[in-house]
Amino acid sequence: MPPKRSLSRSVRGSFFVEYVRMLRRRKDLHWERELPPGDVRYLHENILGDSWYPMETFERFGVAILSHVPGATLEAVRMWGRFSAGEYAKAHPDLIAPGQPVESLMRLKVLRSTLFDFPAFEIPMLVDGHAIVAMNYQMGKVAEEAACYQTMGFCESVLSLAGAKDIRADFEERSWLGAPKTRLNLEWS
């Protein structure tokens, strides 16, 4: 039975399931020693793509992946973001407007509510060739940094799939270093 949606922050099962799969692959580890029992149960349940799951568990899973999965670096997280954007675009063909990077990012902004039930990221500035993505996943420093790198890769892929070239992405502000929000600067031609 899928978890009930609570008043706390939640993430859609279509994202949650990827973290669950990564942890399940590590059959050599005893996750019940690393994670609370309420989290471990998700490793044994069927995760439904359209259901909502607790963001707190998603955060702990992300930190566990960074700590225990070989090769789980921030650059790998960014690459995972790129890959997951492609998969998400296949499942949601309305995300990408071919030849229209600005429109594609606008669509991502609208679709955000299908991924998170809180304003995890916003796009306060979006013009041809330039965007600012403001992120605040409200997690601990390690998980927040990883989530922002994953979002960076996701946005880069959305732009690329829409036909943008020479994509450049860099963080102007980093919440894990004390800024109120993370600000990602995106530029493309």
N, C-alpha and C. Protein backbone atom coordinates (compact mmCIF):
# COMPACT_ATOMS: atom_id res chain seq x y z
N MET A 1 0.84 -1.17 0.00
CA MET A 1 0.00 0.00 0.00
C MET A 1 0.89 1.24 0.00
N PRO A 2 0.61 2.22 -0.90
CA PRO A 2 1.46 3.42 -0.96
C PRO A 2 1.31 4.26 0.30
N PRO A 3 2.36 4.97 0.66
CA PRO A 3 2.27 5.83 1.84
C PRO A 3 1.28 6.96 1.60
N LYS A 4 0.66 7.40 2.68
CA LYS A 4 -0.27 8.53 2.58
C LYS A 4 0.53 9.81 2.52
N ARG A 5 0.00 10.76 1.80
CA ARG A 5 0.65 12.05 1.67
C ARG A 5 0.48 12.82 2.98
N SER A 6 1.56 13.29 3.51
CA SER A 6 1.50 13.98 4.79
C SER A 6 1.68 15.48 4.57
N LEU A 7 1.63 16.21 5.67
CA LEU A 7 1.82 17.65 5.60
C LEU A 7 3.30 18.01 5.48
N SER A 8 4.18 17.03 5.71
CA SER A 8 5.60 17.30 5.56
C SER A 8 5.97 17.28 4.07
N ARG A 9 7.23 17.60 3.79
CA ARG A 9 7.69 17.63 2.40
C ARG A 9 7.74 16.22 1.82
N SER A 10 7.37 16.11 0.55
CA SER A 10 7.34 14.81 -0.11
C SER A 10 7.96 14.90 -1.50
N VAL A 11 8.41 13.74 -1.97
CA VAL A 11 8.98 13.60 -3.30
C VAL A 11 8.18 12.52 -4.03
N ARG A 12 8.04 12.68 -5.32
CA ARG A 12 7.28 11.72 -6.13
C ARG A 12 8.04 10.40 -6.23
N GLY A 13 7.31 9.33 -6.24
CA GLY A 13 7.88 7.99 -6.32
C GLY A 13 8.76 7.77 -7.53
N SER A 14 8.50 8.47 -8.63
CA SER A 14 9.32 8.30 -9.84
C SER A 14 10.77 8.73 -9.59
N PHE A 15 11.02 9.65 -8.66
CA PHE A 15 12.38 10.02 -8.27
C PHE A 15 12.87 9.14 -7.12
N PHE A 16 11.99 8.89 -6.16
CA PHE A 16 12.30 8.11 -4.97
C PHE A 16 12.79 6.71 -5.34
N VAL A 17 12.16 6.11 -6.34
CA VAL A 17 12.48 4.73 -6.71
C VAL A 17 13.92 4.58 -7.19
N GLU A 18 14.49 5.60 -7.78
CA GLU A 18 15.87 5.50 -8.25
C GLU A 18 16.84 5.35 -7.07
N TYR A 19 16.58 6.07 -5.99
CA TYR A 19 17.43 5.95 -4.81
C TYR A 19 17.26 4.56 -4.20
N VAL A 20 16.02 4.08 -4.15
CA VAL A 20 15.74 2.75 -3.62
C VAL A 20 16.49 1.69 -4.44
N ARG A 21 16.47 1.80 -5.75
CA ARG A 21 17.17 0.83 -6.60
C ARG A 21 18.67 0.82 -6.33
N MET A 22 19.25 2.01 -6.16
CA MET A 22 20.69 2.09 -5.90
C MET A 22 21.04 1.39 -4.58
N LEU A 23 20.22 1.60 -3.57
CA LEU A 23 20.48 0.97 -2.27
C LEU A 23 20.25 -0.54 -2.34
N ARG A 24 19.23 -0.96 -3.05
CA ARG A 24 18.96 -2.40 -3.17
C ARG A 24 20.11 -3.14 -3.84
N ARG A 25 20.82 -2.48 -4.73
CA ARG A 25 21.94 -3.12 -5.43
C ARG A 25 23.08 -3.50 -4.48
N ARG A 26 23.17 -2.79 -3.37
CA ARG A 26 24.22 -3.09 -2.38
C ARG A 26 23.73 -4.17 -1.42
N LYS A 27 23.64 -5.38 -1.91
CA LYS A 27 23.16 -6.51 -1.12
C LYS A 27 24.16 -6.91 -0.03
N ASP A 28 25.39 -6.43 -0.15
CA ASP A 28 26.42 -6.75 0.83
C ASP A 28 26.30 -5.91 2.10
N LEU A 29 25.47 -4.88 2.07
CA LEU A 29 25.32 -4.00 3.24
C LEU A 29 24.03 -4.31 3.98
N HIS A 30 24.09 -4.15 5.28
CA HIS A 30 22.91 -4.33 6.13
C HIS A 30 22.32 -2.95 6.40
N TRP A 31 21.37 -2.55 5.58
CA TRP A 31 20.83 -1.20 5.66
C TRP A 31 20.14 -0.94 6.99
N GLU A 32 19.66 -2.01 7.65
CA GLU A 32 19.01 -1.81 8.95
C GLU A 32 19.99 -1.31 10.01
N ARG A 33 21.29 -1.42 9.75
CA ARG A 33 22.31 -0.87 10.65
C ARG A 33 22.61 0.60 10.33
N GLU A 34 22.26 1.02 9.13
CA GLU A 34 22.58 2.36 8.65
C GLU A 34 21.39 3.33 8.67
N LEU A 35 20.18 2.76 8.53
CA LEU A 35 18.98 3.58 8.35
C LEU A 35 17.92 3.24 9.38
N PRO A 36 17.05 4.20 9.71
CA PRO A 36 15.95 3.91 10.63
C PRO A 36 14.99 2.86 10.06
N PRO A 37 14.33 2.08 10.91
CA PRO A 37 13.41 1.04 10.43
C PRO A 37 12.34 1.58 9.48
N GLY A 38 11.86 2.77 9.73
CA GLY A 38 10.84 3.36 8.85
C GLY A 38 11.35 3.60 7.44
N ASP A 39 12.66 3.79 7.29
CA ASP A 39 13.25 3.96 5.97
C ASP A 39 13.51 2.61 5.31
N VAL A 40 14.00 1.66 6.10
CA VAL A 40 14.37 0.35 5.56
C VAL A 40 13.16 -0.33 4.93
N ARG A 41 12.00 -0.10 5.46
CA ARG A 41 10.81 -0.77 4.91
C ARG A 41 10.60 -0.45 3.44
N TYR A 42 11.00 0.76 3.00
CA TYR A 42 10.84 1.12 1.59
C TYR A 42 11.75 0.30 0.68
N LEU A 43 12.82 -0.24 1.24
CA LEU A 43 13.73 -1.06 0.45
C LEU A 43 13.12 -2.43 0.14
N HIS A 44 12.03 -2.76 0.83
CA HIS A 44 11.37 -4.05 0.65
C HIS A 44 9.98 -3.91 0.04
N GLU A 45 9.55 -2.70 -0.22
CA GLU A 45 8.22 -2.45 -0.77
C GLU A 45 8.29 -2.10 -2.25
N ASN A 46 7.17 -2.24 -2.91
CA ASN A 46 7.03 -1.79 -4.29
C ASN A 46 6.83 -0.27 -4.26
N ILE A 47 7.68 0.47 -4.92
CA ILE A 47 7.58 1.93 -4.95
C ILE A 47 6.76 2.32 -6.17
N LEU A 48 5.73 3.09 -5.94
CA LEU A 48 4.81 3.50 -7.00
C LEU A 48 5.20 4.89 -7.52
N GLY A 49 5.38 4.99 -8.81
CA GLY A 49 5.84 6.23 -9.44
C GLY A 49 4.97 7.44 -9.18
N ASP A 50 3.68 7.25 -9.07
CA ASP A 50 2.77 8.39 -8.88
C ASP A 50 2.44 8.68 -7.42
N SER A 51 3.01 7.92 -6.50
CA SER A 51 2.75 8.16 -5.08
C SER A 51 3.78 9.12 -4.51
N TRP A 52 3.49 9.63 -3.33
CA TRP A 52 4.39 10.55 -2.65
C TRP A 52 5.11 9.82 -1.53
N TYR A 53 6.39 10.17 -1.31
CA TYR A 53 7.23 9.55 -0.30
C TYR A 53 7.93 10.65 0.51
N PRO A 54 8.28 10.35 1.77
CA PRO A 54 8.85 11.39 2.65
C PRO A 54 10.22 11.89 2.19
N MET A 55 10.33 13.19 2.14
CA MET A 55 11.58 13.83 1.74
C MET A 55 12.70 13.51 2.74
N GLU A 56 12.36 13.34 4.00
CA GLU A 56 13.37 13.02 5.01
C GLU A 56 14.02 11.67 4.70
N THR A 57 13.23 10.69 4.26
CA THR A 57 13.77 9.39 3.88
C THR A 57 14.61 9.52 2.61
N PHE A 58 14.11 10.29 1.65
CA PHE A 58 14.85 10.55 0.41
C PHE A 58 16.21 11.14 0.73
N GLU A 59 16.25 12.06 1.69
CA GLU A 59 17.52 12.68 2.09
C GLU A 59 18.46 11.64 2.69
N ARG A 60 17.96 10.82 3.61
CA ARG A 60 18.82 9.81 4.23
C ARG A 60 19.31 8.80 3.20
N PHE A 61 18.45 8.44 2.23
CA PHE A 61 18.87 7.53 1.17
C PHE A 61 19.98 8.16 0.34
N GLY A 62 19.85 9.44 0.03
CA GLY A 62 20.88 10.12 -0.75
C GLY A 62 22.22 10.15 -0.04
N VAL A 63 22.20 10.42 1.25
CA VAL A 63 23.44 10.44 2.03
C VAL A 63 24.03 9.02 2.10
N ALA A 64 23.18 8.02 2.24
CA ALA A 64 23.66 6.63 2.27
C ALA A 64 24.31 6.26 0.94
N ILE A 65 23.73 6.70 -0.15
CA ILE A 65 24.31 6.43 -1.47
C ILE A 65 25.69 7.08 -1.58
N LEU A 66 25.78 8.34 -1.18
CA LEU A 66 27.08 9.03 -1.24
C LEU A 66 28.12 8.36 -0.35
N SER A 67 27.68 7.79 0.76
CA SER A 67 28.60 7.18 1.71
C SER A 67 28.99 5.75 1.35
N HIS A 68 28.10 5.01 0.67
CA HIS A 68 28.31 3.57 0.53
C HIS A 68 28.30 3.03 -0.90
N VAL A 69 28.01 3.85 -1.87
CA VAL A 69 27.99 3.36 -3.25
C VAL A 69 29.27 3.84 -3.94
N PRO A 70 30.10 2.90 -4.40
CA PRO A 70 31.35 3.30 -5.05
C PRO A 70 31.09 4.21 -6.26
N GLY A 71 31.90 5.23 -6.38
CA GLY A 71 31.78 6.15 -7.51
C GLY A 71 30.73 7.22 -7.34
N ALA A 72 30.08 7.28 -6.19
CA ALA A 72 29.03 8.28 -5.96
C ALA A 72 29.67 9.61 -5.57
N THR A 73 30.21 10.31 -6.56
CA THR A 73 30.81 11.63 -6.35
C THR A 73 29.80 12.69 -6.76
N LEU A 74 30.11 13.93 -6.48
CA LEU A 74 29.20 15.02 -6.90
C LEU A 74 29.12 15.10 -8.41
N GLU A 75 30.21 14.83 -9.11
CA GLU A 75 30.16 14.84 -10.57
C GLU A 75 29.29 13.69 -11.08
N ALA A 76 29.33 12.55 -10.41
CA ALA A 76 28.46 11.43 -10.78
C ALA A 76 27.00 11.78 -10.52
N VAL A 77 26.74 12.50 -9.43
CA VAL A 77 25.38 12.95 -9.12
C VAL A 77 24.88 13.89 -10.23
N ARG A 78 25.76 14.78 -10.66
CA ARG A 78 25.40 15.70 -11.75
C ARG A 78 25.08 14.91 -13.03
N MET A 79 25.90 13.91 -13.35
CA MET A 79 25.65 13.07 -14.52
C MET A 79 24.33 12.31 -14.37
N TRP A 80 24.06 11.85 -13.14
CA TRP A 80 22.79 11.17 -12.89
C TRP A 80 21.63 12.13 -13.15
N GLY A 81 21.78 13.38 -12.77
CA GLY A 81 20.75 14.37 -13.06
C GLY A 81 20.51 14.51 -14.55
N ARG A 82 21.58 14.51 -15.33
CA ARG A 82 21.44 14.58 -16.79
C ARG A 82 20.68 13.37 -17.32
N PHE A 83 21.09 12.19 -16.86
CA PHE A 83 20.44 10.97 -17.31
C PHE A 83 18.96 10.95 -16.91
N SER A 84 18.67 11.30 -15.66
CA SER A 84 17.29 11.24 -15.18
C SER A 84 16.40 12.24 -15.92
N ALA A 85 16.94 13.35 -16.37
CA ALA A 85 16.14 14.31 -17.15
C ALA A 85 15.72 13.68 -18.47
N GLY A 86 16.63 12.94 -19.08
CA GLY A 86 16.29 12.26 -20.32
C GLY A 86 15.20 11.23 -20.11
N GLU A 87 15.30 10.48 -19.03
CA GLU A 87 14.27 9.48 -18.71
C GLU A 87 12.94 10.16 -18.39
N TYR A 88 13.01 11.26 -17.65
CA TYR A 88 11.79 11.99 -17.29
C TYR A 88 11.14 12.56 -18.56
N ALA A 89 11.95 13.05 -19.47
CA ALA A 89 11.42 13.60 -20.73
C ALA A 89 10.75 12.52 -21.57
N LYS A 90 11.28 11.30 -21.53
CA LYS A 90 10.63 10.20 -22.25
C LYS A 90 9.25 9.92 -21.67
N ALA A 91 9.15 9.95 -20.35
CA ALA A 91 7.89 9.67 -19.68
C ALA A 91 6.92 10.85 -19.73
N HIS A 92 7.46 12.06 -19.91
CA HIS A 92 6.66 13.30 -19.95
C HIS A 92 7.06 14.09 -21.19
N PRO A 93 6.61 13.66 -22.37
CA PRO A 93 7.06 14.28 -23.62
C PRO A 93 6.72 15.77 -23.74
N ASP A 94 5.81 16.26 -22.94
CA ASP A 94 5.47 17.68 -22.98
C ASP A 94 6.54 18.56 -22.33
N LEU A 95 7.52 17.95 -21.65
CA LEU A 95 8.57 18.74 -21.00
C LEU A 95 9.42 19.50 -22.01
N ILE A 96 9.82 18.86 -23.06
CA ILE A 96 10.76 19.46 -24.01
C ILE A 96 10.02 20.09 -25.19
N ALA A 97 10.30 21.36 -25.41
CA ALA A 97 9.81 22.07 -26.60
C ALA A 97 11.00 22.15 -27.56
N PRO A 98 11.04 21.30 -28.58
CA PRO A 98 12.20 21.27 -29.48
C PRO A 98 12.53 22.66 -30.05
N GLY A 99 13.82 23.01 -29.94
CA GLY A 99 14.27 24.30 -30.45
C GLY A 99 13.92 25.48 -29.56
N GLN A 100 13.37 25.21 -28.38
CA GLN A 100 12.92 26.29 -27.49
C GLN A 100 13.40 26.05 -26.05
N PRO A 101 14.65 26.32 -25.76
CA PRO A 101 15.17 26.09 -24.41
C PRO A 101 14.43 26.87 -23.32
N VAL A 102 14.08 28.13 -23.60
CA VAL A 102 13.36 28.93 -22.60
C VAL A 102 12.01 28.30 -22.28
N GLU A 103 11.28 27.92 -23.30
CA GLU A 103 9.97 27.29 -23.09
C GLU A 103 10.13 25.97 -22.34
N SER A 104 11.17 25.21 -22.63
CA SER A 104 11.39 23.94 -21.94
C SER A 104 11.65 24.16 -20.45
N LEU A 105 12.45 25.18 -20.10
CA LEU A 105 12.67 25.49 -18.69
C LEU A 105 11.39 26.00 -18.02
N MET A 106 10.57 26.73 -18.76
CA MET A 106 9.27 27.16 -18.21
C MET A 106 8.40 25.95 -17.90
N ARG A 107 8.43 24.99 -18.78
CA ARG A 107 7.65 23.76 -18.56
C ARG A 107 8.18 23.00 -17.35
N LEU A 108 9.51 22.98 -17.19
CA LEU A 108 10.09 22.35 -16.01
C LEU A 108 9.61 23.05 -14.75
N LYS A 109 9.57 24.36 -14.79
CA LYS A 109 9.10 25.14 -13.64
C LYS A 109 7.67 24.73 -13.27
N VAL A 110 6.84 24.55 -14.29
CA VAL A 110 5.44 24.15 -14.05
C VAL A 110 5.39 22.71 -13.53
N LEU A 111 6.20 21.84 -14.10
CA LEU A 111 6.18 20.43 -13.71
C LEU A 111 6.81 20.16 -12.35
N ARG A 112 7.49 21.14 -11.77
CA ARG A 112 8.12 20.94 -10.47
C ARG A 112 7.14 20.39 -9.45
N SER A 113 5.91 20.85 -9.48
CA SER A 113 4.93 20.39 -8.49
C SER A 113 4.56 18.93 -8.67
N THR A 114 4.93 18.33 -9.80
CA THR A 114 4.69 16.90 -9.98
C THR A 114 5.85 16.08 -9.41
N LEU A 115 6.95 16.75 -9.05
CA LEU A 115 8.12 16.07 -8.51
C LEU A 115 8.24 16.23 -7.00
N PHE A 116 7.93 17.43 -6.52
CA PHE A 116 8.03 17.76 -5.10
C PHE A 116 6.76 18.51 -4.71
N ASP A 117 6.29 18.30 -3.49
CA ASP A 117 5.08 19.00 -3.06
C ASP A 117 5.40 20.27 -2.27
N PHE A 118 6.59 20.79 -2.49
CA PHE A 118 7.01 22.06 -1.88
C PHE A 118 7.91 22.75 -2.90
N PRO A 119 8.16 24.03 -2.76
CA PRO A 119 8.97 24.75 -3.78
C PRO A 119 10.46 24.46 -3.66
N ALA A 120 10.86 23.25 -4.06
CA ALA A 120 12.26 22.83 -3.98
C ALA A 120 13.16 23.70 -4.83
N PHE A 121 12.65 24.12 -5.98
CA PHE A 121 13.42 25.02 -6.83
C PHE A 121 12.45 25.94 -7.58
N GLU A 122 12.98 27.10 -7.93
CA GLU A 122 12.23 28.10 -8.69
C GLU A 122 13.15 28.62 -9.79
N ILE A 123 12.56 29.22 -10.78
CA ILE A 123 13.36 29.85 -11.84
C ILE A 123 12.95 31.32 -11.88
N PRO A 124 13.56 32.14 -11.01
CA PRO A 124 13.15 33.54 -10.90
C PRO A 124 13.58 34.42 -12.08
N MET A 125 14.55 33.94 -12.86
CA MET A 125 14.99 34.73 -14.01
C MET A 125 15.21 33.78 -15.18
N LEU A 126 14.53 34.09 -16.30
CA LEU A 126 14.62 33.23 -17.47
C LEU A 126 14.42 34.07 -18.72
N VAL A 127 15.50 34.22 -19.48
CA VAL A 127 15.47 34.93 -20.75
C VAL A 127 16.26 34.09 -21.75
N ASP A 128 16.19 34.45 -23.00
CA ASP A 128 16.90 33.69 -24.01
C ASP A 128 18.40 33.68 -23.71
N GLY A 129 18.95 32.50 -23.51
CA GLY A 129 20.37 32.35 -23.28
C GLY A 129 20.81 32.43 -21.84
N HIS A 130 19.88 32.66 -20.90
CA HIS A 130 20.28 32.84 -19.50
C HIS A 130 19.13 32.52 -18.56
N ALA A 131 19.45 31.80 -17.50
CA ALA A 131 18.46 31.51 -16.46
C ALA A 131 19.16 31.43 -15.11
N ILE A 132 18.40 31.74 -14.08
CA ILE A 132 18.84 31.53 -12.70
C ILE A 132 17.85 30.54 -12.10
N VAL A 133 18.39 29.50 -11.48
CA VAL A 133 17.57 28.53 -10.77
C VAL A 133 17.90 28.66 -9.29
N ALA A 134 16.89 28.97 -8.49
CA ALA A 134 17.06 29.10 -7.05
C ALA A 134 16.56 27.81 -6.40
N MET A 135 17.41 27.19 -5.59
CA MET A 135 17.08 25.91 -4.99
C MET A 135 17.16 25.96 -3.47
N ASN A 136 16.22 25.27 -2.84
CA ASN A 136 16.25 25.10 -1.39
C ASN A 136 15.46 23.84 -1.06
N TYR A 137 16.16 22.73 -0.98
CA TYR A 137 15.53 21.45 -0.68
C TYR A 137 15.30 21.24 0.81
N GLN A 138 15.83 22.16 1.62
CA GLN A 138 15.64 22.14 3.07
C GLN A 138 16.19 20.87 3.70
N MET A 139 17.40 20.49 3.28
CA MET A 139 18.04 19.29 3.80
C MET A 139 19.36 19.67 4.47
N GLY A 140 20.01 18.68 5.03
CA GLY A 140 21.34 18.88 5.61
C GLY A 140 22.34 19.22 4.51
N LYS A 141 23.51 19.68 4.91
CA LYS A 141 24.50 20.18 3.96
C LYS A 141 24.90 19.16 2.89
N VAL A 142 25.17 17.93 3.29
CA VAL A 142 25.62 16.91 2.33
C VAL A 142 24.53 16.62 1.31
N ALA A 143 23.33 16.39 1.79
CA ALA A 143 22.22 16.07 0.89
C ALA A 143 21.83 17.27 0.04
N GLU A 144 21.86 18.45 0.62
CA GLU A 144 21.51 19.67 -0.12
C GLU A 144 22.47 19.89 -1.28
N GLU A 145 23.76 19.74 -1.01
CA GLU A 145 24.75 19.91 -2.07
C GLU A 145 24.52 18.89 -3.19
N ALA A 146 24.30 17.64 -2.83
CA ALA A 146 24.07 16.61 -3.84
C ALA A 146 22.80 16.89 -4.64
N ALA A 147 21.73 17.31 -3.97
CA ALA A 147 20.47 17.62 -4.67
C ALA A 147 20.67 18.77 -5.65
N CYS A 148 21.47 19.74 -5.28
CA CYS A 148 21.72 20.87 -6.17
C CYS A 148 22.55 20.45 -7.38
N TYR A 149 23.52 19.58 -7.18
CA TYR A 149 24.29 19.06 -8.31
C TYR A 149 23.41 18.23 -9.24
N GLN A 150 22.49 17.45 -8.65
CA GLN A 150 21.58 16.67 -9.47
C GLN A 150 20.67 17.60 -10.28
N THR A 151 20.19 18.66 -9.65
CA THR A 151 19.35 19.63 -10.35
C THR A 151 20.13 20.33 -11.45
N MET A 152 21.40 20.64 -11.20
CA MET A 152 22.25 21.24 -12.22
C MET A 152 22.28 20.34 -13.46
N GLY A 153 22.56 19.07 -13.27
CA GLY A 153 22.61 18.13 -14.39
C GLY A 153 21.26 18.00 -15.07
N PHE A 154 20.19 17.99 -14.30
CA PHE A 154 18.84 17.88 -14.86
C PHE A 154 18.56 19.07 -15.77
N CYS A 155 18.85 20.28 -15.28
CA CYS A 155 18.62 21.49 -16.08
C CYS A 155 19.50 21.52 -17.33
N GLU A 156 20.75 21.12 -17.20
CA GLU A 156 21.64 21.07 -18.36
C GLU A 156 21.06 20.14 -19.43
N SER A 157 20.53 19.01 -19.00
CA SER A 157 19.96 18.06 -19.96
C SER A 157 18.69 18.60 -20.60
N VAL A 158 17.84 19.24 -19.82
CA VAL A 158 16.63 19.84 -20.38
C VAL A 158 17.00 20.84 -21.48
N LEU A 159 17.98 21.68 -21.20
CA LEU A 159 18.44 22.65 -22.20
C LEU A 159 18.99 21.95 -23.43
N SER A 160 19.81 20.94 -23.22
CA SER A 160 20.41 20.21 -24.34
C SER A 160 19.34 19.52 -25.19
N LEU A 161 18.39 18.87 -24.54
CA LEU A 161 17.32 18.19 -25.26
C LEU A 161 16.47 19.17 -26.07
N ALA A 162 16.40 20.42 -25.59
CA ALA A 162 15.62 21.45 -26.29
C ALA A 162 16.43 22.11 -27.41
N GLY A 163 17.71 21.73 -27.54
CA GLY A 163 18.51 22.26 -28.63
C GLY A 163 19.51 23.33 -28.25
N ALA A 164 19.65 23.63 -26.97
CA ALA A 164 20.64 24.64 -26.54
C ALA A 164 22.05 24.10 -26.79
N LYS A 165 22.95 25.01 -27.08
CA LYS A 165 24.36 24.67 -27.32
C LYS A 165 25.23 25.44 -26.34
N ASP A 166 26.46 25.00 -26.20
CA ASP A 166 27.44 25.68 -25.35
C ASP A 166 26.87 25.99 -23.96
N ILE A 167 26.28 25.00 -23.33
CA ILE A 167 25.64 25.18 -22.03
C ILE A 167 26.72 25.32 -20.95
N ARG A 168 26.59 26.35 -20.14
CA ARG A 168 27.49 26.58 -19.01
C ARG A 168 26.65 26.70 -17.75
N ALA A 169 27.07 26.02 -16.71
CA ALA A 169 26.35 26.04 -15.45
C ALA A 169 27.33 26.21 -14.30
N ASP A 170 27.02 27.11 -13.39
CA ASP A 170 27.86 27.27 -12.21
C ASP A 170 27.02 27.84 -11.07
N PHE A 171 27.43 27.52 -9.87
CA PHE A 171 26.73 28.00 -8.69
C PHE A 171 27.25 29.38 -8.31
N GLU A 172 26.34 30.33 -8.21
CA GLU A 172 26.69 31.68 -7.76
C GLU A 172 26.65 31.76 -6.24
N GLU A 173 25.72 31.04 -5.62
CA GLU A 173 25.58 30.98 -4.17
C GLU A 173 25.31 29.54 -3.81
N ARG A 174 25.78 29.13 -2.63
CA ARG A 174 25.62 27.75 -2.19
C ARG A 174 25.05 27.73 -0.77
N SER A 175 23.87 27.14 -0.64
CA SER A 175 23.24 27.10 0.69
C SER A 175 24.03 26.24 1.66
N TRP A 176 24.70 25.20 1.17
CA TRP A 176 25.47 24.34 2.07
C TRP A 176 26.70 25.04 2.62
N LEU A 177 27.01 26.23 2.07
CA LEU A 177 28.09 27.06 2.61
C LEU A 177 27.57 28.28 3.35
N GLY A 178 26.24 28.31 3.57
CA GLY A 178 25.66 29.38 4.39
C GLY A 178 24.73 30.36 3.69
N ALA A 179 24.63 30.33 2.38
CA ALA A 179 23.69 31.22 1.67
C ALA A 179 22.26 30.77 1.96
N PRO A 180 21.31 31.70 1.92
CA PRO A 180 19.91 31.32 2.19
C PRO A 180 19.35 30.31 1.18
N LYS A 181 19.79 30.43 -0.07
CA LYS A 181 19.38 29.52 -1.14
C LYS A 181 20.58 29.30 -2.04
N THR A 182 20.51 28.23 -2.78
CA THR A 182 21.53 28.01 -3.80
C THR A 182 21.04 28.66 -5.08
N ARG A 183 21.94 29.38 -5.74
CA ARG A 183 21.61 30.02 -7.01
C ARG A 183 22.48 29.42 -8.09
N LEU A 184 21.83 28.80 -9.06
CA LEU A 184 22.52 28.20 -10.20
C LEU A 184 22.37 29.12 -11.39
N ASN A 185 23.50 29.49 -11.97
CA ASN A 185 23.52 30.33 -13.16
C ASN A 185 23.66 29.42 -14.38
N LEU A 186 22.71 29.54 -15.33
CA LEU A 186 22.75 28.77 -16.58
C LEU A 186 22.87 29.73 -17.75
N GLU A 187 23.79 29.43 -18.65
CA GLU A 187 23.93 30.22 -19.88
C GLU A 187 24.07 29.26 -21.04
N TRP A 188 23.57 29.66 -22.21
CA TRP A 188 23.64 28.82 -23.40
C TRP A 188 23.50 29.68 -24.64
N SER A 189 23.77 29.08 -25.79
CA SER A 189 23.58 29.79 -27.05
C SER A 189 22.63 28.97 -27.90
